[in-house]
Amino acid sequence: MEKKVANNLWIGLIIGLVMPLITSYLIYATRYPGDETYTEFIVAMIKVESLGKLLSLSVLPNLLFFFLGIWSERLLAARGVLIATVLYTLASVAMFLMK
């Protein structure tokens, strides 16, 4: 049995934690090009109580990485992505309950 490259829990966890940040920045860049900074965008999302919604939307690309890990038999990396997604989900639920 050969060892798969990038079949590591930590790699999956890092991908799962960083990908939503990149996705939220891409949402900001396509939706508000040049109007405000990314920090101002996040503060505005907090003010209108939509940060949880942005977070929920930003986690969707983790599905792709999770299934790529499963299909390529990199189960430890897929587990790391799943753990990161659960952490984001808990944060999102906490934001919805704190309204």
PDB file of N, CA and C in Angstrom:
ATOM      1  N   MET A   1       0.845  -1.181   0.000  1.00  0.00           N
ATOM      2  CA  MET A   1       0.000   0.000   0.000  1.00  0.00           C
ATOM      3  C   MET A   1       0.886   1.239   0.000  1.00  0.00           C
ATOM      4  N   GLU A   2       0.724   2.075  -1.009  1.00  0.00           N
ATOM      5  CA  GLU A   2       1.540   3.274  -1.121  1.00  0.00           C
ATOM      6  C   GLU A   2       0.951   4.419  -0.315  1.00  0.00           C
ATOM      7  N   LYS A   3       1.829   5.275   0.149  1.00  0.00           N
ATOM      8  CA  LYS A   3       1.387   6.420   0.933  1.00  0.00           C
ATOM      9  C   LYS A   3       1.008   7.559  -0.020  1.00  0.00           C
ATOM     10  N   LYS A   4      -0.182   8.099   0.134  1.00  0.00           N
ATOM     11  CA  LYS A   4      -0.674   9.178  -0.710  1.00  0.00           C
ATOM     12  C   LYS A   4      -0.051  10.505  -0.284  1.00  0.00           C
ATOM     13  N   VAL A   5       0.290  11.319  -1.271  1.00  0.00           N
ATOM     14  CA  VAL A   5       0.798  12.656  -0.996  1.00  0.00           C
ATOM     15  C   VAL A   5      -0.368  13.513  -0.517  1.00  0.00           C
ATOM     16  N   ALA A   6      -0.122  14.347   0.464  1.00  0.00           N
ATOM     17  CA  ALA A   6      -1.105  15.273   1.038  1.00  0.00           C
ATOM     18  C   ALA A   6      -2.240  14.552   1.758  1.00  0.00           C
ATOM     19  N   ASN A   7      -2.016  13.327   2.194  1.00  0.00           N
ATOM     20  CA  ASN A   7      -3.019  12.634   2.996  1.00  0.00           C
ATOM     21  C   ASN A   7      -2.668  12.840   4.464  1.00  0.00           C
ATOM     22  N   ASN A   8      -2.961  14.043   4.942  1.00  0.00           N
ATOM     23  CA  ASN A   8      -2.580  14.437   6.278  1.00  0.00           C
ATOM     24  C   ASN A   8      -3.726  15.249   6.877  1.00  0.00           C
ATOM     25  N   LEU A   9      -4.042  14.980   8.105  1.00  0.00           N
ATOM     26  CA  LEU A   9      -5.123  15.689   8.785  1.00  0.00           C
ATOM     27  C   LEU A   9      -4.859  17.191   8.831  1.00  0.00           C
ATOM     28  N   TRP A  10      -3.630  17.581   9.079  1.00  0.00           N
ATOM     29  CA  TRP A  10      -3.284  18.997   9.214  1.00  0.00           C
ATOM     30  C   TRP A  10      -3.419  19.738   7.886  1.00  0.00           C
ATOM     31  N   ILE A  11      -3.055  19.078   6.797  1.00  0.00           N
ATOM     32  CA  ILE A  11      -3.204  19.711   5.482  1.00  0.00           C
ATOM     33  C   ILE A  11      -4.685  19.952   5.192  1.00  0.00           C
ATOM     34  N   GLY A  12      -5.511  18.964   5.455  1.00  0.00           N
ATOM     35  CA  GLY A  12      -6.946  19.125   5.263  1.00  0.00           C
ATOM     36  C   GLY A  12      -7.524  20.203   6.157  1.00  0.00           C
ATOM     37  N   LEU A  13      -7.054  20.265   7.395  1.00  0.00           N
ATOM     38  CA  LEU A  13      -7.535  21.285   8.333  1.00  0.00           C
ATOM     39  C   LEU A  13      -7.156  22.680   7.855  1.00  0.00           C
ATOM     40  N   ILE A  14      -5.941  22.839   7.381  1.00  0.00           N
ATOM     41  CA  ILE A  14      -5.496  24.144   6.880  1.00  0.00           C
ATOM     42  C   ILE A  14      -6.302  24.543   5.644  1.00  0.00           C
ATOM     43  N   ILE A  15      -6.482  23.604   4.719  1.00  0.00           N
ATOM     44  CA  ILE A  15      -7.294  23.897   3.529  1.00  0.00           C
ATOM     45  C   ILE A  15      -8.717  24.274   3.936  1.00  0.00           C
ATOM     46  N   GLY A  16      -9.276  23.521   4.868  1.00  0.00           N
ATOM     47  CA  GLY A  16     -10.647  23.773   5.318  1.00  0.00           C
ATOM     48  C   GLY A  16     -10.818  25.087   6.055  1.00  0.00           C
ATOM     49  N   LEU A  17      -9.768  25.562   6.705  1.00  0.00           N
ATOM     50  CA  LEU A  17      -9.851  26.836   7.418  1.00  0.00           C
ATOM     51  C   LEU A  17      -9.567  28.032   6.510  1.00  0.00           C
ATOM     52  N   VAL A  18      -8.682  27.858   5.530  1.00  0.00           N
ATOM     53  CA  VAL A  18      -8.271  28.967   4.675  1.00  0.00           C
ATOM     54  C   VAL A  18      -9.235  29.180   3.506  1.00  0.00           C
ATOM     55  N   MET A  19      -9.780  28.113   2.960  1.00  0.00           N
ATOM     56  CA  MET A  19     -10.653  28.222   1.784  1.00  0.00           C
ATOM     57  C   MET A  19     -11.863  29.136   2.013  1.00  0.00           C
ATOM     58  N   PRO A  20     -12.558  29.068   3.146  1.00  0.00           N
ATOM     59  CA  PRO A  20     -13.668  30.009   3.365  1.00  0.00           C
ATOM     60  C   PRO A  20     -13.216  31.465   3.437  1.00  0.00           C
ATOM     61  N   LEU A  21     -12.010  31.705   3.937  1.00  0.00           N
ATOM     62  CA  LEU A  21     -11.498  33.077   3.970  1.00  0.00           C
ATOM     63  C   LEU A  21     -11.263  33.595   2.554  1.00  0.00           C
ATOM     64  N   ILE A  22     -10.684  32.745   1.703  1.00  0.00           N
ATOM     65  CA  ILE A  22     -10.466  33.119   0.308  1.00  0.00           C
ATOM     66  C   ILE A  22     -11.808  33.338  -0.394  1.00  0.00           C
ATOM     67  N   THR A  23     -12.753  32.453  -0.130  1.00  0.00           N
ATOM     68  CA  THR A  23     -14.068  32.565  -0.756  1.00  0.00           C
ATOM     69  C   THR A  23     -14.785  33.840  -0.331  1.00  0.00           C
ATOM     70  N   SER A  24     -14.720  34.175   0.954  1.00  0.00           N
ATOM     71  CA  SER A  24     -15.374  35.408   1.409  1.00  0.00           C
ATOM     72  C   SER A  24     -14.713  36.627   0.784  1.00  0.00           C
ATOM     73  N   TYR A  25     -13.394  36.577   0.588  1.00  0.00           N
ATOM     74  CA  TYR A  25     -12.714  37.689  -0.083  1.00  0.00           C
ATOM     75  C   TYR A  25     -13.145  37.782  -1.543  1.00  0.00           C
ATOM     76  N   LEU A  26     -13.311  36.634  -2.207  1.00  0.00           N
ATOM     77  CA  LEU A  26     -13.773  36.645  -3.596  1.00  0.00           C
ATOM     78  C   LEU A  26     -15.200  37.182  -3.702  1.00  0.00           C
ATOM     79  N   ILE A  27     -16.042  36.857  -2.733  1.00  0.00           N
ATOM     80  CA  ILE A  27     -17.402  37.406  -2.703  1.00  0.00           C
ATOM     81  C   ILE A  27     -17.337  38.923  -2.556  1.00  0.00           C
ATOM     82  N   TYR A  28     -16.477  39.378  -1.663  1.00  0.00           N
ATOM     83  CA  TYR A  28     -16.302  40.817  -1.468  1.00  0.00           C
ATOM     84  C   TYR A  28     -15.781  41.478  -2.745  1.00  0.00           C
ATOM     85  N   ALA A  29     -14.784  40.883  -3.382  1.00  0.00           N
ATOM     86  CA  ALA A  29     -14.151  41.492  -4.554  1.00  0.00           C
ATOM     87  C   ALA A  29     -15.087  41.550  -5.753  1.00  0.00           C
ATOM     88  N   THR A  30     -15.959  40.555  -5.880  1.00  0.00           N
ATOM     89  CA  THR A  30     -16.883  40.574  -7.016  1.00  0.00           C
ATOM     90  C   THR A  30     -18.123  41.413  -6.734  1.00  0.00           C
ATOM     91  N   ARG A  31     -18.523  41.493  -5.504  1.00  0.00           N
ATOM     92  CA  ARG A  31     -19.749  42.213  -5.149  1.00  0.00           C
ATOM     93  C   ARG A  31     -19.503  43.704  -4.929  1.00  0.00           C
ATOM     94  N   TYR A  32     -18.363  44.058  -4.333  1.00  0.00           N
ATOM     95  CA  TYR A  32     -18.059  45.445  -3.984  1.00  0.00           C
ATOM     96  C   TYR A  32     -16.682  45.843  -4.507  1.00  0.00           C
ATOM     97  N   PRO A  33     -16.475  45.859  -5.808  1.00  0.00           N
ATOM     98  CA  PRO A  33     -15.140  46.188  -6.332  1.00  0.00           C
ATOM     99  C   PRO A  33     -14.809  47.669  -6.131  1.00  0.00           C
ATOM    100  N   GLY A  34     -13.846  47.945  -5.288  1.00  0.00           N
ATOM    101  CA  GLY A  34     -13.351  49.299  -5.087  1.00  0.00           C
ATOM    102  C   GLY A  34     -14.199  50.205  -4.209  1.00  0.00           C
ATOM    103  N   ASP A  35     -15.346  49.747  -3.740  1.00  0.00           N
ATOM    104  CA  ASP A  35     -16.199  50.616  -2.926  1.00  0.00           C
ATOM    105  C   ASP A  35     -15.665  50.787  -1.504  1.00  0.00           C
ATOM    106  N   GLU A  36     -15.240  49.713  -0.897  1.00  0.00           N
ATOM    107  CA  GLU A  36     -14.773  49.750   0.486  1.00  0.00           C
ATOM    108  C   GLU A  36     -13.707  48.674   0.671  1.00  0.00           C
ATOM    109  N   THR A  37     -12.982  48.772   1.772  1.00  0.00           N
ATOM    110  CA  THR A  37     -11.954  47.763   2.038  1.00  0.00           C
ATOM    111  C   THR A  37     -12.618  46.485   2.544  1.00  0.00           C
ATOM    112  N   TYR A  38     -11.846  45.423   2.543  1.00  0.00           N
ATOM    113  CA  TYR A  38     -12.362  44.137   3.024  1.00  0.00           C
ATOM    114  C   TYR A  38     -12.757  44.241   4.496  1.00  0.00           C
ATOM    115  N   THR A  39     -11.969  44.946   5.278  1.00  0.00           N
ATOM    116  CA  THR A  39     -12.281  45.123   6.700  1.00  0.00           C
ATOM    117  C   THR A  39     -13.592  45.886   6.881  1.00  0.00           C
ATOM    118  N   GLU A  40     -13.784  46.933   6.088  1.00  0.00           N
ATOM    119  CA  GLU A  40     -15.041  47.674   6.161  1.00  0.00           C
ATOM    120  C   GLU A  40     -16.225  46.796   5.746  1.00  0.00           C
ATOM    121  N   PHE A  41     -15.996  45.931   4.778  1.00  0.00           N
ATOM    122  CA  PHE A  41     -17.026  44.995   4.334  1.00  0.00           C
ATOM    123  C   PHE A  41     -17.435  44.054   5.470  1.00  0.00           C
ATOM    124  N   ILE A  42     -16.452  43.511   6.178  1.00  0.00           N
ATOM    125  CA  ILE A  42     -16.736  42.603   7.304  1.00  0.00           C
ATOM    126  C   ILE A  42     -17.466  43.346   8.417  1.00  0.00           C
ATOM    127  N   VAL A  43     -17.037  44.570   8.714  1.00  0.00           N
ATOM    128  CA  VAL A  43     -17.701  45.370   9.752  1.00  0.00           C
ATOM    129  C   VAL A  43     -19.144  45.664   9.347  1.00  0.00           C
ATOM    130  N   ALA A  44     -19.366  45.967   8.065  1.00  0.00           N
ATOM    131  CA  ALA A  44     -20.733  46.215   7.584  1.00  0.00           C
ATOM    132  C   ALA A  44     -21.581  44.948   7.706  1.00  0.00           C
ATOM    133  N   MET A  45     -20.994  43.779   7.422  1.00  0.00           N
ATOM    134  CA  MET A  45     -21.730  42.517   7.559  1.00  0.00           C
ATOM    135  C   MET A  45     -22.101  42.271   9.023  1.00  0.00           C
ATOM    136  N   ILE A  46     -21.227  42.632   9.925  1.00  0.00           N
ATOM    137  CA  ILE A  46     -21.521  42.480  11.357  1.00  0.00           C
ATOM    138  C   ILE A  46     -22.669  43.414  11.755  1.00  0.00           C
ATOM    139  N   LYS A  47     -22.633  44.645  11.254  1.00  0.00           N
ATOM    140  CA  LYS A  47     -23.670  45.626  11.614  1.00  0.00           C
ATOM    141  C   LYS A  47     -25.051  45.207  11.134  1.00  0.00           C
ATOM    142  N   VAL A  48     -25.134  44.608   9.964  1.00  0.00           N
ATOM    143  CA  VAL A  48     -26.442  44.193   9.447  1.00  0.00           C
ATOM    144  C   VAL A  48     -26.756  42.739   9.793  1.00  0.00           C
ATOM    145  N   GLU A  49     -25.960  42.179  10.681  1.00  0.00           N
ATOM    146  CA  GLU A  49     -26.139  40.810  11.173  1.00  0.00           C
ATOM    147  C   GLU A  49     -26.172  39.776  10.053  1.00  0.00           C
ATOM    148  N   SER A  50     -25.266  39.916   9.087  1.00  0.00           N
ATOM    149  CA  SER A  50     -25.194  38.988   7.964  1.00  0.00           C
ATOM    150  C   SER A  50     -23.869  38.241   7.902  1.00  0.00           C
ATOM    151  N   LEU A  51     -23.045  38.374   8.909  1.00  0.00           N
ATOM    152  CA  LEU A  51     -21.753  37.691   8.887  1.00  0.00           C
ATOM    153  C   LEU A  51     -21.947  36.173   8.918  1.00  0.00           C
ATOM    154  N   GLY A  52     -22.928  35.694   9.636  1.00  0.00           N
ATOM    155  CA  GLY A  52     -23.213  34.256   9.671  1.00  0.00           C
ATOM    156  C   GLY A  52     -23.630  33.732   8.314  1.00  0.00           C
ATOM    157  N   LYS A  53     -24.385  34.539   7.580  1.00  0.00           N
ATOM    158  CA  LYS A  53     -24.798  34.145   6.235  1.00  0.00           C
ATOM    159  C   LYS A  53     -23.601  34.110   5.287  1.00  0.00           C
ATOM    160  N   LEU A  54     -22.728  35.105   5.391  1.00  0.00           N
ATOM    161  CA  LEU A  54     -21.511  35.115   4.578  1.00  0.00           C
ATOM    162  C   LEU A  54     -20.642  33.914   4.918  1.00  0.00           C
ATOM    163  N   LEU A  55     -20.544  33.603   6.192  1.00  0.00           N
ATOM    164  CA  LEU A  55     -19.753  32.456   6.626  1.00  0.00           C
ATOM    165  C   LEU A  55     -20.337  31.156   6.088  1.00  0.00           C
ATOM    166  N   SER A  56     -21.640  31.028   6.142  1.00  0.00           N
ATOM    167  CA  SER A  56     -22.294  29.824   5.625  1.00  0.00           C
ATOM    168  C   SER A  56     -22.057  29.665   4.128  1.00  0.00           C
ATOM    169  N   LEU A  57     -22.115  30.741   3.396  1.00  0.00           N
ATOM    170  CA  LEU A  57     -21.874  30.703   1.959  1.00  0.00           C
ATOM    171  C   LEU A  57     -20.401  30.432   1.643  1.00  0.00           C
ATOM    172  N   SER A  58     -19.517  30.962   2.452  1.00  0.00           N
ATOM    173  CA  SER A  58     -18.080  30.813   2.210  1.00  0.00           C
ATOM    174  C   SER A  58     -17.576  29.395   2.456  1.00  0.00           C
ATOM    175  N   VAL A  59     -18.290  28.628   3.224  1.00  0.00           N
ATOM    176  CA  VAL A  59     -17.863  27.262   3.542  1.00  0.00           C
ATOM    177  C   VAL A  59     -18.206  26.274   2.416  1.00  0.00           C
ATOM    178  N   LEU A  60     -19.074  26.651   1.519  1.00  0.00           N
ATOM    179  CA  LEU A  60     -19.499  25.735   0.450  1.00  0.00           C
ATOM    180  C   LEU A  60     -18.353  25.129  -0.368  1.00  0.00           C
ATOM    181  N   PRO A  61     -17.302  25.875  -0.728  1.00  0.00           N
ATOM    182  CA  PRO A  61     -16.209  25.239  -1.482  1.00  0.00           C
ATOM    183  C   PRO A  61     -15.489  24.123  -0.727  1.00  0.00           C
ATOM    184  N   ASN A  62     -15.652  24.088   0.594  1.00  0.00           N
ATOM    185  CA  ASN A  62     -15.071  22.976   1.352  1.00  0.00           C
ATOM    186  C   ASN A  62     -15.666  21.636   0.922  1.00  0.00           C
ATOM    187  N   LEU A  63     -16.905  21.663   0.441  1.00  0.00           N
ATOM    188  CA  LEU A  63     -17.512  20.431  -0.073  1.00  0.00           C
ATOM    189  C   LEU A  63     -16.676  19.832  -1.197  1.00  0.00           C
ATOM    190  N   LEU A  64     -16.206  20.691  -2.091  1.00  0.00           N
ATOM    191  CA  LEU A  64     -15.385  20.232  -3.209  1.00  0.00           C
ATOM    192  C   LEU A  64     -14.125  19.542  -2.700  1.00  0.00           C
ATOM    193  N   PHE A  65     -13.442  20.170  -1.759  1.00  0.00           N
ATOM    194  CA  PHE A  65     -12.209  19.586  -1.233  1.00  0.00           C
ATOM    195  C   PHE A  65     -12.474  18.322  -0.421  1.00  0.00           C
ATOM    196  N   PHE A  66     -13.603  18.297   0.274  1.00  0.00           N
ATOM    197  CA  PHE A  66     -13.963  17.094   1.017  1.00  0.00           C
ATOM    198  C   PHE A  66     -14.174  15.915   0.060  1.00  0.00           C
ATOM    199  N   PHE A  67     -14.968  16.141  -0.988  1.00  0.00           N
ATOM    200  CA  PHE A  67     -15.234  15.055  -1.932  1.00  0.00           C
ATOM    201  C   PHE A  67     -13.999  14.687  -2.745  1.00  0.00           C
ATOM    202  N   LEU A  68     -13.157  15.652  -3.068  1.00  0.00           N
ATOM    203  CA  LEU A  68     -11.896  15.320  -3.742  1.00  0.00           C
ATOM    204  C   LEU A  68     -11.030  14.428  -2.853  1.00  0.00           C
ATOM    205  N   GLY A  69     -11.015  14.711  -1.573  1.00  0.00           N
ATOM    206  CA  GLY A  69     -10.273  13.870  -0.636  1.00  0.00           C
ATOM    207  C   GLY A  69     -10.840  12.460  -0.557  1.00  0.00           C
ATOM    208  N   ILE A  70     -12.152  12.348  -0.547  1.00  0.00           N
ATOM    209  CA  ILE A  70     -12.798  11.028  -0.506  1.00  0.00           C
ATOM    210  C   ILE A  70     -12.519  10.256  -1.790  1.00  0.00           C
ATOM    211  N   TRP A  71     -12.752  10.907  -2.941  1.00  0.00           N
ATOM    212  CA  TRP A  71     -12.604  10.226  -4.222  1.00  0.00           C
ATOM    213  C   TRP A  71     -11.163   9.826  -4.517  1.00  0.00           C
ATOM    214  N   SER A  72     -10.201  10.615  -4.016  1.00  0.00           N
ATOM    215  CA  SER A  72      -8.797  10.292  -4.263  1.00  0.00           C
ATOM    216  C   SER A  72      -8.185   9.470  -3.127  1.00  0.00           C
ATOM    217  N   GLU A  73      -9.029   9.007  -2.226  1.00  0.00           N
ATOM    218  CA  GLU A  73      -8.633   8.178  -1.086  1.00  0.00           C
ATOM    219  C   GLU A  73      -7.618   8.861  -0.175  1.00  0.00           C
ATOM    220  N   ARG A  74      -7.770  10.137  -0.014  1.00  0.00           N
ATOM    221  CA  ARG A  74      -6.989  10.906   0.964  1.00  0.00           C
ATOM    222  C   ARG A  74      -7.922  11.194   2.136  1.00  0.00           C
ATOM    223  N   LEU A  75      -8.211  10.152   2.869  1.00  0.00           N
ATOM    224  CA  LEU A  75      -9.251  10.216   3.893  1.00  0.00           C
ATOM    225  C   LEU A  75      -8.869  11.082   5.081  1.00  0.00           C
ATOM    226  N   LEU A  76      -7.584  11.123   5.420  1.00  0.00           N
ATOM    227  CA  LEU A  76      -7.168  11.983   6.529  1.00  0.00           C
ATOM    228  C   LEU A  76      -7.325  13.449   6.168  1.00  0.00           C
ATOM    229  N   ALA A  77      -6.977  13.818   4.941  1.00  0.00           N
ATOM    230  CA  ALA A  77      -7.153  15.203   4.495  1.00  0.00           C
ATOM    231  C   ALA A  77      -8.641  15.552   4.454  1.00  0.00           C
ATOM    232  N   ALA A  78      -9.462  14.628   3.975  1.00  0.00           N
ATOM    233  CA  ALA A  78     -10.914  14.860   3.946  1.00  0.00           C
ATOM    234  C   ALA A  78     -11.451  15.045   5.364  1.00  0.00           C
ATOM    235  N   ARG A  79     -10.910  14.291   6.294  1.00  0.00           N
ATOM    236  CA  ARG A  79     -11.331  14.431   7.693  1.00  0.00           C
ATOM    237  C   ARG A  79     -10.957  15.813   8.239  1.00  0.00           C
ATOM    238  N   GLY A  80      -9.776  16.309   7.863  1.00  0.00           N
ATOM    239  CA  GLY A  80      -9.364  17.649   8.285  1.00  0.00           C
ATOM    240  C   GLY A  80     -10.280  18.726   7.743  1.00  0.00           C
ATOM    241  N   VAL A  81     -10.668  18.608   6.467  1.00  0.00           N
ATOM    242  CA  VAL A  81     -11.604  19.564   5.870  1.00  0.00           C
ATOM    243  C   VAL A  81     -12.946  19.489   6.594  1.00  0.00           C
ATOM    244  N   LEU A  82     -13.383  18.297   6.914  1.00  0.00           N
ATOM    245  CA  LEU A  82     -14.659  18.127   7.619  1.00  0.00           C
ATOM    246  C   LEU A  82     -14.605  18.760   9.012  1.00  0.00           C
ATOM    247  N   ILE A  83     -13.510  18.584   9.718  1.00  0.00           N
ATOM    248  CA  ILE A  83     -13.362  19.191  11.048  1.00  0.00           C
ATOM    249  C   ILE A  83     -13.422  20.714  10.949  1.00  0.00           C
ATOM    250  N   ALA A  84     -12.717  21.277   9.962  1.00  0.00           N
ATOM    251  CA  ALA A  84     -12.744  22.735   9.777  1.00  0.00           C
ATOM    252  C   ALA A  84     -14.154  23.212   9.449  1.00  0.00           C
ATOM    253  N   THR A  85     -14.857  22.453   8.620  1.00  0.00           N
ATOM    254  CA  THR A  85     -16.224  22.824   8.251  1.00  0.00           C
ATOM    255  C   THR A  85     -17.144  22.782   9.459  1.00  0.00           C
ATOM    256  N   VAL A  86     -16.969  21.808  10.315  1.00  0.00           N
ATOM    257  CA  VAL A  86     -17.778  21.725  11.542  1.00  0.00           C
ATOM    258  C   VAL A  86     -17.475  22.922  12.448  1.00  0.00           C
ATOM    259  N   LEU A  87     -16.216  23.326  12.539  1.00  0.00           N
ATOM    260  CA  LEU A  87     -15.870  24.495  13.345  1.00  0.00           C
ATOM    261  C   LEU A  87     -16.544  25.757  12.799  1.00  0.00           C
ATOM    262  N   TYR A  88     -16.498  25.937  11.485  1.00  0.00           N
ATOM    263  CA  TYR A  88     -17.178  27.082  10.872  1.00  0.00           C
ATOM    264  C   TYR A  88     -18.689  26.995  11.077  1.00  0.00           C
ATOM    265  N   THR A  89     -19.230  25.797  11.010  1.00  0.00           N
ATOM    266  CA  THR A  89     -20.669  25.619  11.214  1.00  0.00           C
ATOM    267  C   THR A  89     -21.067  26.007  12.631  1.00  0.00           C
ATOM    268  N   LEU A  90     -20.286  25.587  13.597  1.00  0.00           N
ATOM    269  CA  LEU A  90     -20.559  25.951  14.986  1.00  0.00           C
ATOM    270  C   LEU A  90     -20.495  27.476  15.177  1.00  0.00           C
ATOM    271  N   ALA A  91     -19.520  28.119  14.545  1.00  0.00           N
ATOM    272  CA  ALA A  91     -19.410  29.577  14.640  1.00  0.00           C
ATOM    273  C   ALA A  91     -20.617  30.241  13.987  1.00  0.00           C
ATOM    274  N   SER A  92     -21.034  29.711  12.849  1.00  0.00           N
ATOM    275  CA  SER A  92     -22.186  30.277  12.143  1.00  0.00           C
ATOM    276  C   SER A  92     -23.471  30.111  12.954  1.00  0.00           C
ATOM    277  N   VAL A  93     -23.672  28.947  13.540  1.00  0.00           N
ATOM    278  CA  VAL A  93     -24.847  28.711  14.382  1.00  0.00           C
ATOM    279  C   VAL A  93     -24.830  29.629  15.594  1.00  0.00           C
ATOM    280  N   ALA A  94     -23.656  29.821  16.185  1.00  0.00           N
ATOM    281  CA  ALA A  94     -23.542  30.721  17.332  1.00  0.00           C
ATOM    282  C   ALA A  94     -23.925  32.145  16.934  1.00  0.00           C
ATOM    283  N   MET A  95     -23.528  32.551  15.722  1.00  0.00           N
ATOM    284  CA  MET A  95     -23.892  33.901  15.261  1.00  0.00           C
ATOM    285  C   MET A  95     -25.393  34.042  15.039  1.00  0.00           C
ATOM    286  N   PHE A  96     -26.016  32.988  14.513  1.00  0.00           N
ATOM    287  CA  PHE A  96     -27.457  33.031  14.308  1.00  0.00           C
ATOM    288  C   PHE A  96     -28.206  33.062  15.638  1.00  0.00           C
ATOM    289  N   LEU A  97     -27.689  32.352  16.651  1.00  0.00           N
ATOM    290  CA  LEU A  97     -28.371  32.307  17.939  1.00  0.00           C
ATOM    291  C   LEU A  97     -28.153  33.572  18.766  1.00  0.00           C
ATOM    292  N   MET A  98     -27.104  34.330  18.461  1.00  0.00           N
ATOM    293  CA  MET A  98     -26.801  35.529  19.235  1.00  0.00           C
ATOM    294  C   MET A  98     -27.592  36.750  18.767  1.00  0.00           C
ATOM    295  N   LYS A  99     -28.427  36.621  17.766  1.00  0.00           N
ATOM    296  CA  LYS A  99     -29.218  37.762  17.276  1.00  0.00           C
ATOM    297  C   LYS A  99     -30.116  38.295  18.342  1.00  0.00           C
TER     298      LYS A  99
END
